[in-house]
């Protein structure tokens, strides 16, 4: 089966986010009030062939741990769904 893999990568709590801070300051300078706690992440999307959803999730988790993220400072939220 073919699955869509959606991975949202964010910095872990307590890790400084200079991009988020820059965006937060810029929004205030542009006149937008009330924008706070800005955090910047990334989204990785791809399709994967696997026997079932459990196997697909396992492979995607290993990809995140070994290649797509830095597990020391980042966390990944993984979503898998069947391609229809």
N, C-alpha and C. Protein backbone atom coordinates (compact mmCIF):
# COMPACT_ATOMS: atom_id res chain seq x y z
N UNK A 1 0.84 -1.18 0.00
CA UNK A 1 0.00 0.00 0.00
C UNK A 1 0.88 1.25 0.00
N UNK A 2 0.29 2.33 -0.45
CA UNK A 2 1.00 3.61 -0.46
C UNK A 2 0.38 4.52 0.59
N UNK A 3 1.24 5.17 1.35
CA UNK A 3 0.80 6.06 2.42
C UNK A 3 1.39 7.44 2.22
N UNK A 4 0.63 8.46 2.60
CA UNK A 4 1.15 9.81 2.70
C UNK A 4 1.75 9.97 4.09
N UNK A 5 2.96 10.49 4.15
CA UNK A 5 3.61 10.76 5.43
C UNK A 5 3.72 12.27 5.59
N UNK A 6 3.24 12.76 6.72
CA UNK A 6 3.31 14.18 7.06
C UNK A 6 4.10 14.29 8.36
N UNK A 7 5.18 15.04 8.33
CA UNK A 7 6.02 15.18 9.51
C UNK A 7 6.15 16.67 9.83
N UNK A 8 5.71 17.04 11.02
CA UNK A 8 5.86 18.41 11.50
C UNK A 8 7.02 18.42 12.49
N UNK A 9 8.04 19.20 12.17
CA UNK A 9 9.24 19.25 13.01
C UNK A 9 9.29 20.60 13.70
N UNK A 10 9.43 20.56 15.02
CA UNK A 10 9.51 21.78 15.83
C UNK A 10 10.67 21.67 16.80
N UNK A 11 11.18 22.83 17.21
CA UNK A 11 12.20 22.84 18.25
C UNK A 11 11.58 22.41 19.56
N UNK A 12 12.32 21.68 20.35
CA UNK A 12 11.84 21.25 21.67
C UNK A 12 11.65 22.47 22.58
N UNK A 13 10.78 22.30 23.58
CA UNK A 13 10.58 23.36 24.58
C UNK A 13 11.92 23.72 25.21
N UNK A 14 12.14 25.00 25.42
CA UNK A 14 13.37 25.46 26.05
C UNK A 14 14.50 25.74 25.08
N UNK A 15 14.35 25.35 23.81
CA UNK A 15 15.37 25.63 22.80
C UNK A 15 15.05 26.99 22.17
N UNK A 16 16.04 27.86 22.14
CA UNK A 16 15.84 29.20 21.57
C UNK A 16 15.45 29.09 20.10
N UNK A 17 14.55 29.98 19.69
CA UNK A 17 14.06 30.00 18.31
C UNK A 17 14.29 31.40 17.74
N UNK A 18 15.50 31.67 17.22
CA UNK A 18 15.79 33.01 16.72
C UNK A 18 14.90 33.44 15.55
N UNK A 19 14.51 32.49 14.70
CA UNK A 19 13.60 32.85 13.60
C UNK A 19 12.25 33.29 14.15
N UNK A 20 11.75 32.56 15.11
CA UNK A 20 10.47 32.92 15.72
C UNK A 20 10.54 34.29 16.38
N UNK A 21 11.64 34.57 17.07
CA UNK A 21 11.82 35.88 17.72
C UNK A 21 11.85 37.00 16.70
N UNK A 22 12.53 36.77 15.59
CA UNK A 22 12.62 37.78 14.53
C UNK A 22 11.24 38.06 13.95
N UNK A 23 10.47 37.02 13.69
CA UNK A 23 9.11 37.19 13.16
C UNK A 23 8.24 37.94 14.16
N UNK A 24 8.35 37.57 15.43
CA UNK A 24 7.55 38.22 16.46
C UNK A 24 7.85 39.72 16.53
N UNK A 25 9.14 40.08 16.48
CA UNK A 25 9.53 41.50 16.52
C UNK A 25 9.05 42.23 15.26
N UNK A 26 9.17 41.56 14.11
CA UNK A 26 8.77 42.19 12.85
C UNK A 26 7.27 42.45 12.81
N UNK A 27 6.47 41.54 13.34
CA UNK A 27 5.02 41.75 13.31
C UNK A 27 4.65 42.98 14.13
N UNK A 28 5.31 43.16 15.26
CA UNK A 28 5.04 44.35 16.08
C UNK A 28 5.46 45.61 15.32
N UNK A 29 6.62 45.57 14.67
CA UNK A 29 7.10 46.72 13.90
C UNK A 29 6.18 47.05 12.72
N UNK A 30 5.48 46.06 12.21
CA UNK A 30 4.55 46.27 11.10
C UNK A 30 3.16 46.69 11.58
N UNK A 31 2.99 46.80 12.89
CA UNK A 31 1.72 47.27 13.42
C UNK A 31 0.75 46.18 13.83
N UNK A 32 1.18 44.94 13.78
CA UNK A 32 0.31 43.83 14.22
C UNK A 32 0.53 43.62 15.71
N UNK A 33 -0.54 43.80 16.47
CA UNK A 33 -0.44 43.66 17.91
C UNK A 33 -0.94 42.29 18.35
N UNK A 34 -0.41 41.80 19.45
CA UNK A 34 -0.90 40.57 20.04
C UNK A 34 -0.29 39.29 19.49
N UNK A 35 0.68 39.39 18.59
CA UNK A 35 1.34 38.19 18.07
C UNK A 35 2.48 37.85 19.03
N UNK A 36 2.36 36.72 19.72
CA UNK A 36 3.35 36.33 20.73
C UNK A 36 3.69 34.85 20.62
N UNK A 37 4.78 34.47 21.24
CA UNK A 37 5.23 33.07 21.30
C UNK A 37 5.36 32.44 19.92
N UNK A 38 5.96 33.15 18.98
CA UNK A 38 6.13 32.64 17.62
C UNK A 38 7.23 31.58 17.62
N UNK A 39 6.94 30.42 17.04
CA UNK A 39 7.90 29.34 16.89
C UNK A 39 7.89 28.93 15.41
N UNK A 40 9.05 28.69 14.85
CA UNK A 40 9.17 28.31 13.45
C UNK A 40 9.56 26.83 13.38
N UNK A 41 8.90 26.10 12.52
CA UNK A 41 9.21 24.69 12.32
C UNK A 41 9.29 24.40 10.84
N UNK A 42 9.24 23.13 10.53
CA UNK A 42 9.23 22.73 9.12
C UNK A 42 8.29 21.55 8.94
N UNK A 43 7.82 21.40 7.73
CA UNK A 43 6.92 20.30 7.39
C UNK A 43 7.57 19.50 6.27
N UNK A 44 7.62 18.20 6.45
CA UNK A 44 8.18 17.30 5.44
C UNK A 44 7.05 16.36 5.02
N UNK A 45 6.83 16.25 3.72
CA UNK A 45 5.77 15.39 3.19
C UNK A 45 6.35 14.50 2.11
N UNK A 46 5.93 13.25 2.13
CA UNK A 46 6.31 12.32 1.07
C UNK A 46 5.38 11.12 1.10
N UNK A 47 5.50 10.28 0.08
CA UNK A 47 4.73 9.04 0.05
C UNK A 47 5.69 7.88 0.29
N UNK A 48 5.15 6.84 0.93
CA UNK A 48 5.96 5.67 1.24
C UNK A 48 5.14 4.42 0.99
N UNK A 49 5.78 3.42 0.41
CA UNK A 49 5.15 2.13 0.21
C UNK A 49 5.48 1.24 1.39
N UNK A 50 4.47 0.58 1.94
CA UNK A 50 4.66 -0.33 3.07
C UNK A 50 3.52 -1.33 3.10
N UNK A 51 3.75 -2.42 3.81
CA UNK A 51 2.73 -3.47 3.91
C UNK A 51 1.49 -3.00 4.66
N UNK A 52 1.72 -2.16 5.69
CA UNK A 52 0.60 -1.66 6.49
C UNK A 52 1.01 -0.35 7.18
N UNK A 53 0.06 0.26 7.86
CA UNK A 53 0.31 1.56 8.49
C UNK A 53 1.36 1.48 9.60
N UNK A 54 1.38 0.38 10.33
CA UNK A 54 2.36 0.22 11.40
C UNK A 54 3.78 0.21 10.83
N UNK A 55 3.98 -0.54 9.75
CA UNK A 55 5.30 -0.58 9.11
C UNK A 55 5.68 0.78 8.54
N UNK A 56 4.73 1.46 7.92
CA UNK A 56 5.00 2.79 7.38
C UNK A 56 5.41 3.74 8.49
N UNK A 57 4.68 3.72 9.59
CA UNK A 57 5.00 4.60 10.73
C UNK A 57 6.38 4.29 11.29
N UNK A 58 6.71 3.02 11.36
CA UNK A 58 8.02 2.61 11.89
C UNK A 58 9.16 3.13 11.02
N UNK A 59 9.01 3.01 9.71
CA UNK A 59 10.05 3.49 8.79
C UNK A 59 10.18 5.01 8.88
N UNK A 60 9.05 5.71 8.92
CA UNK A 60 9.07 7.17 9.00
C UNK A 60 9.72 7.62 10.31
N UNK A 61 9.39 6.94 11.41
CA UNK A 61 10.01 7.28 12.70
C UNK A 61 11.52 7.08 12.65
N UNK A 62 11.97 6.00 12.04
CA UNK A 62 13.41 5.77 11.92
C UNK A 62 14.08 6.83 11.04
N UNK A 63 13.40 7.21 9.95
CA UNK A 63 13.92 8.29 9.10
C UNK A 63 14.08 9.58 9.91
N UNK A 64 13.09 9.88 10.73
CA UNK A 64 13.16 11.09 11.56
C UNK A 64 14.33 11.01 12.53
N UNK A 65 14.46 9.87 13.21
CA UNK A 65 15.50 9.70 14.21
C UNK A 65 16.90 9.74 13.62
N UNK A 66 17.06 9.19 12.40
CA UNK A 66 18.40 9.06 11.83
C UNK A 66 18.78 10.14 10.83
N UNK A 67 17.78 10.84 10.25
CA UNK A 67 18.12 11.72 9.14
C UNK A 67 17.34 13.03 9.08
N UNK A 68 16.04 12.99 9.25
CA UNK A 68 15.21 14.16 8.99
C UNK A 68 15.19 15.18 10.12
N UNK A 69 15.49 14.77 11.34
CA UNK A 69 15.46 15.69 12.47
C UNK A 69 16.72 15.52 13.31
N UNK A 70 16.94 16.50 14.15
CA UNK A 70 17.99 16.41 15.17
C UNK A 70 17.27 16.13 16.48
N UNK A 71 17.21 14.87 16.91
CA UNK A 71 16.40 14.53 18.09
C UNK A 71 16.85 15.20 19.38
N UNK A 72 18.04 15.77 19.39
CA UNK A 72 18.52 16.46 20.58
C UNK A 72 17.75 17.77 20.78
N UNK A 73 17.46 18.48 19.69
CA UNK A 73 16.82 19.79 19.81
C UNK A 73 15.45 19.87 19.15
N UNK A 74 15.08 18.85 18.36
CA UNK A 74 13.81 18.90 17.63
C UNK A 74 12.93 17.71 18.01
N UNK A 75 11.62 17.93 17.85
CA UNK A 75 10.67 16.83 18.01
C UNK A 75 9.84 16.75 16.74
N UNK A 76 9.38 15.54 16.43
CA UNK A 76 8.61 15.32 15.21
C UNK A 76 7.23 14.78 15.56
N UNK A 77 6.23 15.34 14.89
CA UNK A 77 4.87 14.83 14.97
C UNK A 77 4.60 14.17 13.63
N UNK A 78 4.34 12.87 13.66
CA UNK A 78 4.17 12.10 12.44
C UNK A 78 2.71 11.73 12.24
N UNK A 79 2.25 11.93 11.02
CA UNK A 79 0.89 11.51 10.64
C UNK A 79 1.01 10.69 9.37
N UNK A 80 0.36 9.54 9.38
CA UNK A 80 0.36 8.64 8.23
C UNK A 80 -1.08 8.40 7.80
N UNK A 81 -1.33 8.44 6.49
CA UNK A 81 -2.67 8.10 6.00
C UNK A 81 -2.56 7.43 4.64
N UNK A 82 -3.51 6.57 4.38
CA UNK A 82 -3.54 5.84 3.12
C UNK A 82 -3.82 6.80 1.98
N UNK A 83 -3.09 6.63 0.88
CA UNK A 83 -3.37 7.41 -0.33
C UNK A 83 -4.62 6.83 -0.97
N UNK A 84 -5.58 7.69 -1.23
CA UNK A 84 -6.83 7.20 -1.81
C UNK A 84 -6.96 7.62 -3.25
